[in-house]
N, C-alpha and C. Protein backbone atom coordinates (compact mmCIF):
# COMPACT_ATOMS: atom_id res chain seq x y z
N MET A 1 14.76 -47.55 22.12
CA MET A 1 13.30 -47.61 22.77
C MET A 1 12.89 -46.26 23.06
N ALA A 2 11.71 -45.88 22.58
CA ALA A 2 11.21 -44.49 22.99
C ALA A 2 10.68 -44.48 24.26
N THR A 3 10.96 -43.34 24.98
CA THR A 3 10.37 -43.22 26.26
C THR A 3 9.47 -41.85 26.33
N ILE A 4 8.58 -41.82 27.35
CA ILE A 4 7.80 -40.59 27.51
C ILE A 4 7.67 -40.23 28.92
N ASN A 5 7.65 -39.06 29.24
CA ASN A 5 7.29 -38.80 30.85
C ASN A 5 6.24 -37.56 30.77
N THR A 6 5.34 -37.75 31.66
CA THR A 6 4.43 -36.74 31.77
C THR A 6 4.02 -36.20 33.31
N ASN A 7 3.58 -35.02 33.31
CA ASN A 7 3.30 -34.62 34.61
C ASN A 7 2.09 -33.29 34.30
N GLN A 8 1.26 -32.98 35.17
CA GLN A 8 0.20 -32.00 34.85
C GLN A 8 0.85 -30.64 35.15
N THR A 9 0.23 -29.83 34.49
CA THR A 9 0.79 -28.24 34.63
C THR A 9 -0.56 -27.39 34.53
N THR A 10 -0.32 -26.14 35.08
CA THR A 10 -1.48 -25.24 35.03
C THR A 10 -1.03 -23.93 34.52
N SER A 11 -0.06 -23.83 33.61
CA SER A 11 0.58 -22.96 33.06
C SER A 11 -0.46 -22.08 32.29
N SER A 12 -0.40 -20.61 32.36
CA SER A 12 -1.40 -19.71 31.82
C SER A 12 -1.02 -19.44 30.41
N VAL A 13 -1.73 -18.80 29.67
CA VAL A 13 -1.76 -18.45 28.40
C VAL A 13 -0.75 -17.31 28.04
N TYR A 14 0.31 -17.15 27.44
CA TYR A 14 1.09 -16.19 27.36
C TYR A 14 0.72 -15.35 25.82
N ASP A 15 -0.37 -14.71 25.84
CA ASP A 15 -0.68 -14.05 24.69
C ASP A 15 -0.72 -12.50 24.86
N GLN A 16 -0.35 -12.01 25.71
CA GLN A 16 -0.39 -10.57 26.16
C GLN A 16 0.39 -9.66 25.13
N ILE A 17 1.39 -9.99 24.61
CA ILE A 17 2.07 -9.20 23.59
C ILE A 17 1.05 -8.59 22.38
N ASN A 18 0.50 -9.71 21.89
CA ASN A 18 -0.35 -9.40 20.63
C ASN A 18 -1.51 -8.75 21.29
N ALA A 19 -1.95 -8.85 22.48
CA ALA A 19 -3.33 -8.16 22.94
C ALA A 19 -2.76 -6.78 23.18
N GLN A 20 -1.61 -6.60 23.57
CA GLN A 20 -1.24 -4.97 23.88
C GLN A 20 -1.10 -4.38 22.31
N ASN A 21 -0.94 -5.09 21.41
CA ASN A 21 -0.71 -4.66 19.89
C ASN A 21 -2.02 -4.42 19.13
N LYS A 22 -3.08 -5.10 19.85
CA LYS A 22 -4.36 -4.99 19.17
C LYS A 22 -5.20 -3.74 19.24
N SER A 23 -4.48 -2.49 19.63
CA SER A 23 -5.35 -1.32 19.64
C SER A 23 -5.26 -0.82 18.16
N GLN A 24 -5.89 0.35 18.02
CA GLN A 24 -6.10 0.84 16.55
C GLN A 24 -4.85 0.95 15.93
N SER A 25 -4.54 0.11 14.58
CA SER A 25 -3.30 0.42 14.11
C SER A 25 -3.29 1.67 13.01
N THR A 26 -4.46 2.10 12.56
CA THR A 26 -4.59 3.10 11.52
C THR A 26 -5.70 4.04 11.96
N GLN A 27 -5.51 5.38 11.67
CA GLN A 27 -6.51 6.33 11.96
C GLN A 27 -6.89 6.95 10.56
N THR A 28 -7.99 7.18 10.23
CA THR A 28 -8.53 8.07 9.18
C THR A 28 -8.83 9.41 9.48
N SER A 29 -8.23 10.36 8.85
CA SER A 29 -8.36 11.85 9.16
C SER A 29 -9.72 12.07 8.52
N GLN A 30 -10.43 13.19 9.33
CA GLN A 30 -11.86 13.62 8.81
C GLN A 30 -11.71 14.98 8.37
N THR A 31 -10.33 15.61 8.40
CA THR A 31 -10.13 17.16 8.19
C THR A 31 -10.64 17.34 6.84
N SER A 32 -10.38 16.67 5.77
CA SER A 32 -11.01 16.88 4.31
C SER A 32 -12.23 16.89 4.19
N SER A 33 -13.06 15.89 4.83
CA SER A 33 -14.45 15.99 4.53
C SER A 33 -15.16 16.91 5.40
N ASP A 34 -14.62 17.26 6.70
CA ASP A 34 -15.00 18.42 7.42
C ASP A 34 -15.13 19.69 6.66
N SER A 35 -13.91 19.88 5.94
CA SER A 35 -13.73 21.24 5.24
C SER A 35 -14.72 21.27 4.07
N ASP A 36 -14.89 20.14 3.38
CA ASP A 36 -15.91 20.15 2.08
C ASP A 36 -17.17 20.34 2.54
N MET A 37 -17.53 19.88 3.77
CA MET A 37 -18.92 20.27 4.34
C MET A 37 -19.19 21.40 4.52
N PHE A 38 -18.11 22.21 5.23
CA PHE A 38 -18.17 23.37 5.52
C PHE A 38 -18.36 24.38 4.36
N MET A 39 -17.53 24.20 3.34
CA MET A 39 -17.53 25.13 2.10
C MET A 39 -18.97 24.89 1.51
N GLN A 40 -19.43 23.59 1.45
CA GLN A 40 -20.65 23.31 0.84
C GLN A 40 -21.78 24.12 1.55
N LEU A 41 -21.64 24.20 2.89
CA LEU A 41 -22.78 24.83 3.67
C LEU A 41 -22.53 26.40 3.55
N MET A 42 -21.43 26.87 3.39
CA MET A 42 -21.14 28.33 3.10
C MET A 42 -21.73 28.80 1.84
N ILE A 43 -21.53 28.04 0.70
CA ILE A 43 -22.02 28.11 -0.69
C ILE A 43 -23.65 28.28 -0.60
N ALA A 44 -23.99 27.17 -0.04
CA ALA A 44 -25.56 27.31 0.12
C ALA A 44 -26.04 28.48 0.79
N GLN A 45 -25.41 28.88 1.96
CA GLN A 45 -25.85 30.00 2.57
C GLN A 45 -25.83 31.20 1.68
N LEU A 46 -24.71 31.39 0.84
CA LEU A 46 -24.74 32.40 -0.02
C LEU A 46 -25.59 32.63 -1.21
N GLN A 47 -25.79 31.21 -1.75
CA GLN A 47 -26.87 31.12 -2.79
C GLN A 47 -28.32 31.38 -2.18
N ASN A 48 -28.48 31.25 -1.06
CA ASN A 48 -29.96 31.28 -0.46
C ASN A 48 -30.19 32.47 0.28
N GLN A 49 -29.15 33.39 0.55
CA GLN A 49 -29.56 34.59 1.22
C GLN A 49 -30.32 35.56 0.68
N ASP A 50 -31.02 36.43 1.53
CA ASP A 50 -31.99 37.29 0.96
C ASP A 50 -31.07 38.52 0.25
N PRO A 51 -31.28 38.95 -0.98
CA PRO A 51 -30.45 39.81 -1.65
C PRO A 51 -30.49 41.06 -1.04
N THR A 52 -31.85 41.53 -0.36
CA THR A 52 -31.95 42.82 0.28
C THR A 52 -31.34 42.71 1.58
N SER A 53 -31.04 41.62 2.11
CA SER A 53 -30.44 41.60 3.35
C SER A 53 -29.24 40.64 3.49
N PRO A 54 -28.14 40.84 2.84
CA PRO A 54 -26.97 40.02 2.67
C PRO A 54 -26.28 39.76 4.18
N ALA A 55 -25.67 38.71 4.27
CA ALA A 55 -24.93 38.30 5.55
C ALA A 55 -23.77 39.19 5.74
N GLU A 56 -23.45 39.64 6.98
CA GLU A 56 -22.64 40.36 7.39
C GLU A 56 -21.09 39.75 6.96
N THR A 57 -20.19 40.59 6.43
CA THR A 57 -18.82 40.00 6.25
C THR A 57 -18.29 39.44 7.53
N ASN A 58 -18.50 40.16 8.63
CA ASN A 58 -18.01 39.71 9.94
C ASN A 58 -18.45 38.28 10.31
N ASP A 59 -19.58 38.08 9.96
CA ASP A 59 -20.08 36.64 10.32
C ASP A 59 -19.68 35.56 9.50
N PHE A 60 -19.20 35.74 8.26
CA PHE A 60 -18.35 34.86 7.44
C PHE A 60 -17.07 34.81 7.98
N MET A 61 -16.50 35.75 8.50
CA MET A 61 -15.12 35.65 8.93
C MET A 61 -14.99 34.82 10.22
N GLN A 62 -16.00 35.06 10.99
CA GLN A 62 -16.15 34.31 12.31
C GLN A 62 -16.08 32.74 12.01
N GLN A 63 -17.07 32.53 10.87
CA GLN A 63 -17.37 31.10 10.66
C GLN A 63 -15.92 30.41 10.14
N ILE A 64 -15.43 31.31 9.25
CA ILE A 64 -14.20 30.76 8.73
C ILE A 64 -13.02 30.36 9.76
N SER A 65 -13.08 31.39 10.79
CA SER A 65 -12.09 31.31 11.79
C SER A 65 -12.34 30.06 12.75
N SER A 66 -13.83 29.90 12.93
CA SER A 66 -14.13 28.76 13.74
C SER A 66 -13.73 27.35 12.90
N MET A 67 -13.96 27.20 11.68
CA MET A 67 -13.48 26.26 10.83
C MET A 67 -11.95 25.97 10.82
N SER A 68 -11.44 26.96 10.74
CA SER A 68 -9.83 26.95 11.08
C SER A 68 -9.36 26.22 12.30
N GLN A 69 -10.11 26.74 13.42
CA GLN A 69 -9.77 26.17 14.69
C GLN A 69 -10.15 24.59 14.73
N VAL A 70 -11.18 24.33 14.18
CA VAL A 70 -11.56 22.69 14.11
C VAL A 70 -10.66 22.01 13.24
N GLU A 71 -10.11 22.69 12.07
CA GLU A 71 -9.31 21.86 11.30
C GLU A 71 -7.89 21.67 11.87
N SER A 72 -7.48 22.76 12.79
CA SER A 72 -6.21 22.69 13.53
C SER A 72 -6.10 21.52 14.45
N ILE A 73 -7.30 21.52 15.19
CA ILE A 73 -7.47 20.46 16.22
C ILE A 73 -7.42 19.15 15.42
N ASN A 74 -8.27 18.72 14.39
CA ASN A 74 -8.11 17.68 13.86
C ASN A 74 -6.74 17.33 13.17
N ASN A 75 -6.09 18.12 12.68
CA ASN A 75 -4.70 17.90 12.25
C ASN A 75 -3.85 17.59 13.51
N LEU A 76 -4.08 18.15 14.69
CA LEU A 76 -3.36 17.87 15.87
C LEU A 76 -3.64 16.32 16.30
N ASN A 77 -4.93 15.96 16.16
CA ASN A 77 -5.28 14.49 16.49
C ASN A 77 -4.63 13.59 15.49
N VAL A 78 -4.54 13.97 14.37
CA VAL A 78 -3.88 13.00 13.42
C VAL A 78 -2.44 12.91 13.88
N THR A 79 -1.78 13.94 14.10
CA THR A 79 -0.36 13.90 14.36
C THR A 79 -0.03 12.96 15.53
N MET A 80 -0.95 13.19 16.56
CA MET A 80 -0.85 12.36 17.72
C MET A 80 -1.14 11.08 17.56
N ASN A 81 -2.22 10.62 16.66
CA ASN A 81 -2.20 9.27 16.40
C ASN A 81 -1.16 8.66 15.62
N ASN A 82 -0.51 9.18 14.80
CA ASN A 82 0.64 8.86 14.03
C ASN A 82 1.81 8.50 14.99
N LEU A 83 2.16 9.50 15.88
CA LEU A 83 2.95 9.33 16.86
C LEU A 83 2.71 8.16 17.76
N SER A 84 1.37 7.82 18.11
CA SER A 84 1.12 6.61 18.82
C SER A 84 1.38 5.34 18.10
N ASN A 85 1.01 5.30 16.68
CA ASN A 85 1.36 4.12 15.97
C ASN A 85 2.74 4.09 15.92
N SER A 86 3.54 5.02 15.85
CA SER A 86 4.95 4.95 15.90
C SER A 86 5.63 4.22 17.04
N LEU A 87 4.89 4.71 18.23
CA LEU A 87 5.46 4.18 19.47
C LEU A 87 5.00 2.63 19.60
N LEU A 88 3.91 2.23 18.86
CA LEU A 88 3.42 0.93 19.00
C LEU A 88 4.39 0.13 18.20
N SER A 89 4.73 0.52 17.00
CA SER A 89 5.75 -0.27 16.17
C SER A 89 7.18 -0.31 16.84
N SER A 90 7.41 0.52 17.52
CA SER A 90 8.83 0.58 18.18
C SER A 90 8.68 -0.51 19.34
N GLN A 91 7.65 -0.42 20.22
CA GLN A 91 7.27 -1.26 21.27
C GLN A 91 7.21 -2.74 20.72
N SER A 92 6.52 -2.81 19.49
CA SER A 92 6.58 -4.39 19.07
C SER A 92 7.79 -5.03 18.69
N ALA A 93 8.58 -4.07 17.97
CA ALA A 93 9.98 -4.50 17.64
C ALA A 93 10.88 -4.93 18.84
N LEU A 94 10.74 -4.17 19.86
CA LEU A 94 11.58 -4.44 20.97
C LEU A 94 11.06 -5.93 21.63
N GLN A 95 9.52 -6.10 21.66
CA GLN A 95 9.17 -7.21 22.12
C GLN A 95 9.66 -8.42 21.26
N ALA A 96 9.54 -8.20 20.00
CA ALA A 96 9.86 -9.14 19.15
C ALA A 96 11.24 -9.64 19.19
N SER A 97 12.26 -8.72 19.28
CA SER A 97 13.45 -8.97 19.56
C SER A 97 13.72 -9.91 20.79
N SER A 98 13.06 -9.79 21.81
CA SER A 98 13.18 -10.45 23.06
C SER A 98 12.53 -11.94 22.82
N MET A 99 11.80 -12.17 21.75
CA MET A 99 11.26 -13.46 21.53
C MET A 99 12.39 -14.43 20.98
N VAL A 100 13.19 -13.74 20.26
CA VAL A 100 14.21 -14.60 19.35
C VAL A 100 15.10 -15.51 20.26
N GLY A 101 15.25 -16.72 20.15
CA GLY A 101 15.92 -17.80 20.98
C GLY A 101 15.25 -18.14 22.15
N GLN A 102 13.94 -18.01 22.37
CA GLN A 102 13.06 -18.51 23.32
C GLN A 102 12.52 -19.74 22.75
N ASN A 103 12.14 -20.65 23.87
CA ASN A 103 11.52 -21.68 23.59
C ASN A 103 9.91 -21.58 23.82
N VAL A 104 8.95 -21.89 22.69
CA VAL A 104 7.67 -21.60 22.87
C VAL A 104 6.85 -22.98 22.52
N TYR A 105 5.70 -23.03 23.18
CA TYR A 105 4.86 -24.19 22.95
C TYR A 105 3.66 -23.68 21.82
N ALA A 106 4.02 -24.26 20.66
CA ALA A 106 2.99 -23.77 19.62
C ALA A 106 2.06 -24.90 19.32
N LYS A 107 0.85 -24.40 18.88
CA LYS A 107 -0.27 -25.20 18.43
C LYS A 107 0.06 -25.90 17.18
N THR A 108 0.66 -27.19 17.23
CA THR A 108 0.95 -27.82 16.15
C THR A 108 1.14 -29.33 16.30
N ASP A 109 0.99 -30.15 15.40
CA ASP A 109 1.32 -31.57 15.64
C ASP A 109 2.53 -32.09 14.94
N VAL A 110 3.35 -31.30 14.53
CA VAL A 110 4.57 -31.62 13.54
C VAL A 110 5.74 -31.48 14.90
N ALA A 111 6.30 -32.62 14.86
CA ALA A 111 7.54 -32.55 15.74
C ALA A 111 8.74 -32.85 14.81
N THR A 112 9.80 -32.02 14.86
CA THR A 112 11.12 -32.24 14.18
C THR A 112 12.27 -32.84 15.02
N ILE A 113 12.67 -33.96 14.44
CA ILE A 113 13.73 -34.89 15.06
C ILE A 113 14.98 -34.63 14.30
N THR A 114 16.02 -34.33 15.00
CA THR A 114 17.35 -34.24 14.30
C THR A 114 18.42 -35.12 15.05
N ALA A 115 19.58 -35.33 14.61
CA ALA A 115 20.62 -36.14 15.12
C ALA A 115 21.04 -35.72 16.51
N ASP A 116 20.98 -34.42 16.66
CA ASP A 116 21.44 -33.71 17.74
C ASP A 116 20.21 -33.63 18.84
N ASN A 117 19.03 -33.78 18.32
CA ASN A 117 18.01 -33.61 19.13
C ASN A 117 16.89 -34.67 19.05
N LYS A 118 16.64 -35.63 19.94
CA LYS A 118 15.78 -36.64 19.76
C LYS A 118 14.61 -36.41 20.61
N ASP A 119 14.68 -35.58 21.68
CA ASP A 119 13.65 -35.11 22.44
C ASP A 119 12.52 -34.23 22.15
N VAL A 120 11.10 -34.76 22.29
CA VAL A 120 10.14 -33.89 21.82
C VAL A 120 9.33 -33.54 23.08
N LYS A 121 9.18 -32.18 23.36
CA LYS A 121 8.49 -31.83 24.58
C LYS A 121 7.19 -31.16 24.04
N GLY A 122 6.28 -31.26 24.97
CA GLY A 122 4.95 -30.96 24.51
C GLY A 122 3.77 -30.73 25.65
N ILE A 123 2.69 -30.08 25.31
CA ILE A 123 1.56 -29.78 26.26
C ILE A 123 0.41 -30.33 25.41
N ILE A 124 -0.35 -31.14 26.23
CA ILE A 124 -1.60 -31.71 25.67
C ILE A 124 -2.85 -30.96 26.39
N GLU A 125 -3.62 -30.36 25.68
CA GLU A 125 -4.76 -29.54 26.26
C GLU A 125 -6.13 -30.49 26.32
N LEU A 126 -6.38 -30.96 27.59
CA LEU A 126 -7.50 -31.79 27.72
C LEU A 126 -8.88 -30.87 28.18
N PRO A 127 -9.79 -30.81 27.47
CA PRO A 127 -10.99 -30.15 27.84
C PRO A 127 -11.85 -30.97 29.04
N ILE A 128 -11.81 -32.23 28.94
CA ILE A 128 -12.46 -32.81 29.89
C ILE A 128 -11.51 -34.08 30.45
N SER A 129 -11.92 -34.60 31.55
CA SER A 129 -11.14 -35.80 32.18
C SER A 129 -11.31 -36.93 31.27
N THR A 130 -10.47 -37.91 31.17
CA THR A 130 -10.32 -39.01 30.18
C THR A 130 -10.02 -40.41 31.06
N THR A 131 -10.51 -41.44 30.61
CA THR A 131 -10.05 -42.76 31.24
C THR A 131 -8.83 -43.29 30.57
N ASN A 132 -8.28 -42.77 29.52
CA ASN A 132 -7.05 -43.05 28.73
C ASN A 132 -6.80 -41.93 27.75
N LEU A 133 -5.48 -41.41 27.90
CA LEU A 133 -4.90 -40.38 26.91
C LEU A 133 -3.79 -41.10 26.33
N ARG A 134 -3.90 -41.40 24.89
CA ARG A 134 -2.87 -41.91 24.10
C ARG A 134 -2.32 -40.88 23.12
N VAL A 135 -1.01 -41.08 22.77
CA VAL A 135 -0.35 -40.26 21.80
C VAL A 135 0.23 -41.18 20.73
N SER A 136 -0.07 -40.78 19.48
CA SER A 136 0.31 -41.76 18.29
C SER A 136 1.24 -41.06 17.60
N ILE A 137 2.27 -41.53 17.13
CA ILE A 137 3.53 -40.98 16.29
C ILE A 137 3.47 -41.50 15.13
N TYR A 138 3.54 -40.59 14.00
CA TYR A 138 3.50 -41.02 12.64
C TYR A 138 4.64 -40.53 11.81
N ASP A 139 5.11 -41.16 10.90
CA ASP A 139 6.37 -40.87 10.12
C ASP A 139 5.95 -39.90 9.12
N SER A 140 6.78 -39.43 8.19
CA SER A 140 6.46 -38.63 7.10
C SER A 140 5.62 -39.27 5.90
N ASN A 141 5.70 -40.55 5.97
CA ASN A 141 4.90 -41.42 5.15
C ASN A 141 3.39 -41.63 5.63
N GLY A 142 3.01 -41.18 6.96
CA GLY A 142 1.89 -41.62 7.50
C GLY A 142 1.66 -42.72 8.10
N ALA A 143 2.89 -43.49 8.30
CA ALA A 143 2.78 -44.72 9.02
C ALA A 143 2.89 -44.71 10.65
N LYS A 144 2.02 -45.33 11.27
CA LYS A 144 2.20 -45.19 12.75
C LYS A 144 3.44 -45.87 13.20
N ILE A 145 4.39 -45.38 13.83
CA ILE A 145 5.47 -45.98 14.48
C ILE A 145 5.33 -46.23 15.94
N GLU A 146 4.58 -45.72 16.51
CA GLU A 146 4.38 -45.83 18.02
C GLU A 146 3.10 -45.40 18.60
N THR A 147 2.77 -46.08 19.68
CA THR A 147 1.47 -45.41 20.34
C THR A 147 1.72 -45.65 21.72
N LEU A 148 1.49 -44.58 22.50
CA LEU A 148 1.72 -44.35 23.94
C LEU A 148 0.58 -44.26 24.67
N ASP A 149 0.14 -45.18 25.48
CA ASP A 149 -1.07 -44.94 26.35
C ASP A 149 -0.50 -44.53 27.84
N LEU A 150 -1.15 -43.22 28.04
CA LEU A 150 -0.81 -42.56 29.24
C LEU A 150 -1.66 -42.70 30.31
N GLY A 151 -2.72 -43.45 30.10
CA GLY A 151 -3.69 -43.92 31.29
C GLY A 151 -4.77 -42.73 31.49
N ALA A 152 -5.30 -42.85 32.54
CA ALA A 152 -6.55 -41.81 33.04
C ALA A 152 -5.88 -40.55 33.39
N LYS A 153 -6.32 -39.38 32.97
CA LYS A 153 -5.88 -38.07 33.18
C LYS A 153 -7.20 -37.03 33.37
N ASN A 154 -6.91 -36.24 34.40
CA ASN A 154 -7.82 -35.10 34.85
C ASN A 154 -7.83 -34.18 33.66
N ALA A 155 -8.73 -33.48 33.56
CA ALA A 155 -9.02 -32.17 32.55
C ALA A 155 -7.93 -31.27 32.94
N GLY A 156 -7.38 -30.62 31.88
CA GLY A 156 -6.34 -29.56 32.22
C GLY A 156 -5.08 -29.65 31.12
N ASP A 157 -4.11 -29.12 31.40
CA ASP A 157 -2.90 -29.20 30.48
C ASP A 157 -2.10 -30.18 31.20
N LEU A 158 -1.53 -31.09 30.17
CA LEU A 158 -0.57 -32.08 30.67
C LEU A 158 0.69 -31.94 29.81
N ASN A 159 1.81 -31.87 30.56
CA ASN A 159 3.18 -31.93 29.98
C ASN A 159 3.51 -33.18 29.74
N PHE A 160 4.16 -33.41 28.50
CA PHE A 160 4.85 -34.73 28.23
C PHE A 160 6.06 -34.55 27.44
N ALA A 161 6.88 -35.51 27.46
CA ALA A 161 8.26 -35.60 26.68
C ALA A 161 8.24 -36.97 26.08
N TRP A 162 8.73 -36.87 24.78
CA TRP A 162 9.05 -38.29 24.09
C TRP A 162 10.49 -38.19 23.47
N ASN A 163 11.04 -39.19 23.85
CA ASN A 163 12.41 -39.39 23.17
C ASN A 163 12.37 -40.39 21.90
N ALA A 164 12.65 -39.89 20.74
CA ALA A 164 12.47 -40.61 19.53
C ALA A 164 13.43 -41.89 19.43
N GLY A 165 14.48 -41.96 20.37
CA GLY A 165 15.27 -43.23 20.30
C GLY A 165 15.95 -43.18 19.08
N ASP A 166 15.96 -44.54 18.32
CA ASP A 166 16.51 -44.61 17.13
C ASP A 166 15.88 -44.19 15.93
N ALA A 167 14.76 -43.39 16.16
CA ALA A 167 14.05 -42.96 14.95
C ALA A 167 14.93 -42.14 14.18
N ALA A 168 14.66 -42.28 12.72
CA ALA A 168 15.55 -41.51 11.75
C ALA A 168 15.13 -39.80 11.93
N SER A 169 15.98 -39.02 11.65
CA SER A 169 15.77 -37.41 11.65
C SER A 169 14.89 -37.27 10.62
N GLY A 170 13.93 -36.16 10.90
CA GLY A 170 12.75 -35.80 10.01
C GLY A 170 11.74 -35.30 10.87
N ASP A 171 10.62 -35.00 10.15
CA ASP A 171 9.11 -34.64 10.75
C ASP A 171 8.32 -35.70 11.11
N TYR A 172 7.88 -35.64 12.30
CA TYR A 172 6.82 -36.70 12.64
C TYR A 172 5.64 -35.85 13.16
N ARG A 173 4.29 -36.81 12.96
CA ARG A 173 3.24 -36.21 13.36
C ARG A 173 2.78 -36.81 14.72
N VAL A 174 2.46 -35.70 15.74
CA VAL A 174 2.15 -36.44 16.92
C VAL A 174 0.56 -35.95 17.37
N VAL A 175 -0.22 -37.11 17.60
CA VAL A 175 -1.65 -36.84 17.60
C VAL A 175 -1.89 -37.39 19.08
N ALA A 176 -2.51 -36.56 19.71
CA ALA A 176 -3.01 -36.91 21.02
C ALA A 176 -4.53 -37.17 21.03
N GLU A 177 -5.07 -38.24 21.63
CA GLU A 177 -6.40 -38.49 21.77
C GLU A 177 -6.84 -38.98 23.09
N ALA A 178 -8.05 -38.42 23.30
CA ALA A 178 -8.56 -38.85 24.73
C ALA A 178 -9.82 -39.74 24.46
N ALA A 179 -9.78 -40.78 25.31
CA ALA A 179 -11.06 -41.67 25.37
C ALA A 179 -12.22 -41.02 25.96
N THR A 180 -13.39 -41.11 25.26
CA THR A 180 -14.65 -40.46 25.63
C THR A 180 -15.65 -41.68 25.47
N ALA A 181 -16.96 -41.28 25.97
CA ALA A 181 -17.91 -42.38 25.70
C ALA A 181 -18.48 -42.71 24.21
N ASP A 182 -17.95 -41.74 23.46
CA ASP A 182 -18.08 -41.74 22.08
C ASP A 182 -17.01 -42.24 21.28
N GLY A 183 -15.77 -42.72 21.90
CA GLY A 183 -14.79 -43.14 21.30
C GLY A 183 -13.69 -42.12 21.45
N TYR A 184 -12.54 -42.22 20.71
CA TYR A 184 -11.46 -41.31 21.11
C TYR A 184 -11.55 -40.17 20.16
N LYS A 185 -11.26 -38.93 20.95
CA LYS A 185 -11.30 -37.52 20.16
C LYS A 185 -10.03 -37.00 20.29
N VAL A 186 -9.60 -36.26 19.34
CA VAL A 186 -8.40 -35.59 19.05
C VAL A 186 -8.21 -34.42 20.10
N ALA A 187 -7.20 -34.48 21.04
CA ALA A 187 -7.02 -33.12 21.77
C ALA A 187 -5.87 -32.33 21.18
N ASN A 188 -6.02 -30.94 21.48
CA ASN A 188 -4.99 -29.98 20.94
C ASN A 188 -3.50 -30.26 21.62
N SER A 189 -2.56 -30.22 20.83
CA SER A 189 -1.33 -30.34 21.27
C SER A 189 -0.56 -29.34 21.08
N TYR A 190 0.44 -29.03 21.77
CA TYR A 190 1.25 -27.74 21.64
C TYR A 190 2.77 -28.30 21.84
N LEU A 191 3.55 -28.32 20.74
CA LEU A 191 4.92 -28.75 20.82
C LEU A 191 5.89 -27.66 21.01
N SER A 192 7.03 -27.80 21.55
CA SER A 192 8.17 -26.95 21.84
C SER A 192 8.98 -26.73 20.66
N TYR A 193 9.06 -25.44 20.42
CA TYR A 193 10.22 -24.99 19.29
C TYR A 193 10.86 -23.89 19.79
N ASN A 194 12.12 -23.68 19.24
CA ASN A 194 12.84 -22.53 19.30
C ASN A 194 12.39 -21.49 18.34
N VAL A 195 12.30 -20.26 18.75
CA VAL A 195 12.02 -19.14 17.83
C VAL A 195 13.34 -18.66 17.14
N ASN A 196 13.36 -18.92 16.02
CA ASN A 196 14.47 -18.54 14.90
C ASN A 196 14.41 -16.99 14.67
N SER A 197 13.25 -16.47 14.42
CA SER A 197 13.10 -15.07 13.96
C SER A 197 11.62 -14.68 14.19
N VAL A 198 11.29 -13.39 14.08
CA VAL A 198 10.01 -12.87 14.26
C VAL A 198 9.54 -12.03 13.17
N THR A 199 8.37 -12.35 12.51
CA THR A 199 7.80 -11.29 11.55
C THR A 199 6.65 -10.43 12.10
N LEU A 200 6.82 -9.14 11.74
CA LEU A 200 5.77 -8.15 12.48
C LEU A 200 5.01 -7.82 11.53
N GLY A 201 3.52 -7.74 11.62
CA GLY A 201 2.67 -7.07 10.77
C GLY A 201 2.69 -5.70 10.89
N GLN A 202 1.45 -5.05 10.17
CA GLN A 202 1.52 -3.68 10.15
C GLN A 202 1.19 -3.00 11.72
N ASN A 203 2.18 -2.03 12.12
CA ASN A 203 2.14 -1.67 13.35
C ASN A 203 2.13 -2.48 14.48
N GLY A 204 2.98 -3.73 14.21
CA GLY A 204 3.04 -4.72 15.28
C GLY A 204 1.98 -5.71 15.35
N VAL A 205 0.93 -5.41 14.64
CA VAL A 205 -0.35 -6.40 14.77
C VAL A 205 -0.08 -7.66 14.06
N GLY A 206 -0.39 -8.68 14.42
CA GLY A 206 -0.29 -10.00 13.71
C GLY A 206 1.08 -10.46 13.68
N MET A 207 1.85 -10.47 14.89
CA MET A 207 3.15 -11.06 15.14
C MET A 207 3.21 -12.45 14.72
N LYS A 208 4.22 -12.94 13.80
CA LYS A 208 4.41 -14.27 13.55
C LYS A 208 5.89 -14.74 14.15
N LEU A 209 5.92 -15.97 14.61
CA LEU A 209 7.08 -16.55 15.00
C LEU A 209 7.46 -17.62 14.21
N ASN A 210 8.74 -17.31 13.67
CA ASN A 210 9.36 -18.44 12.77
C ASN A 210 10.11 -19.33 13.36
N THR A 211 9.68 -20.62 13.23
CA THR A 211 10.30 -21.75 13.80
C THR A 211 10.88 -22.83 12.74
N ASP A 212 11.52 -23.98 13.25
CA ASP A 212 11.76 -24.99 12.35
C ASP A 212 10.25 -25.61 11.80
N ALA A 213 9.21 -25.42 12.44
CA ALA A 213 8.07 -26.13 11.90
C ALA A 213 7.25 -25.02 10.97
N GLY A 214 7.94 -23.57 10.75
CA GLY A 214 7.23 -22.88 10.00
C GLY A 214 6.94 -21.73 10.64
N SER A 215 6.08 -20.94 10.21
CA SER A 215 5.66 -19.56 10.68
C SER A 215 4.41 -19.88 11.50
N ILE A 216 4.49 -19.30 12.74
CA ILE A 216 3.39 -19.62 13.74
C ILE A 216 2.82 -18.29 14.26
N ALA A 217 1.44 -17.99 14.16
CA ALA A 217 0.76 -16.97 14.84
C ALA A 217 0.97 -17.01 16.21
N PHE A 218 1.08 -15.73 16.92
CA PHE A 218 1.25 -15.60 18.15
C PHE A 218 0.03 -16.14 18.89
N SER A 219 -1.02 -15.98 18.61
CA SER A 219 -2.28 -16.56 19.09
C SER A 219 -2.32 -18.03 19.24
N ASP A 220 -1.36 -18.66 18.56
CA ASP A 220 -1.20 -20.17 18.76
C ASP A 220 -0.26 -20.65 19.70
N ILE A 221 0.26 -19.61 20.39
CA ILE A 221 1.38 -19.91 21.36
C ILE A 221 0.60 -20.22 22.84
N LYS A 222 0.89 -21.24 23.46
CA LYS A 222 0.33 -21.44 24.73
C LYS A 222 0.98 -21.08 25.77
N GLN A 223 2.57 -21.40 25.73
CA GLN A 223 3.45 -20.95 26.62
C GLN A 223 4.82 -20.59 26.12
N ILE A 224 5.53 -19.62 26.89
CA ILE A 224 6.68 -19.26 26.49
C ILE A 224 7.69 -19.70 27.48
N GLY A 225 8.78 -20.44 27.07
CA GLY A 225 9.94 -20.92 27.98
C GLY A 225 9.52 -22.19 28.53
């Protein structure tokens, strides 16, 4: 016989890692365009100067010197930006390695049952209070195998645990619904999964957590641990 336990929680969202990685991931150097513009202006100045009073050589040398200084500063900025991106990638790799083996509550309605693990843990996100919260369990064929009525619940996050009992191993769909004046409305569910590995995006942006439920975006994680 399947069993379910519930309790309210005020767990905060653990999405700081991706937030830290969402600084600029690439920097486009303006050195080439600045140099081209300078040369175009210099050529235009030479073409339009008064032949009877040509520009002094020293003036051109000073302009070239000033442009060289600007170009050097731009090159230094590009180097520093590349170093910053490299540090971001290293930091993301360290953060990713610490995620492997952790339990996370991911935004999914797919629960995986195995012979060694019949327990499903999750969090239901209730935007409003409800007179009755129910959880329906469907097998891989779409057949409803159980409905759990959890009663009246206040708005917020609700922890729950379901034991599959004699249910066969495989994937099951967990659908949480809250009673409203307009009927039952689906509520977001976050199910517990172990992180098997992590996939990093460019410069650490767009971290993906790989679980038995598939690849999950870090932005879809509600809680770690």
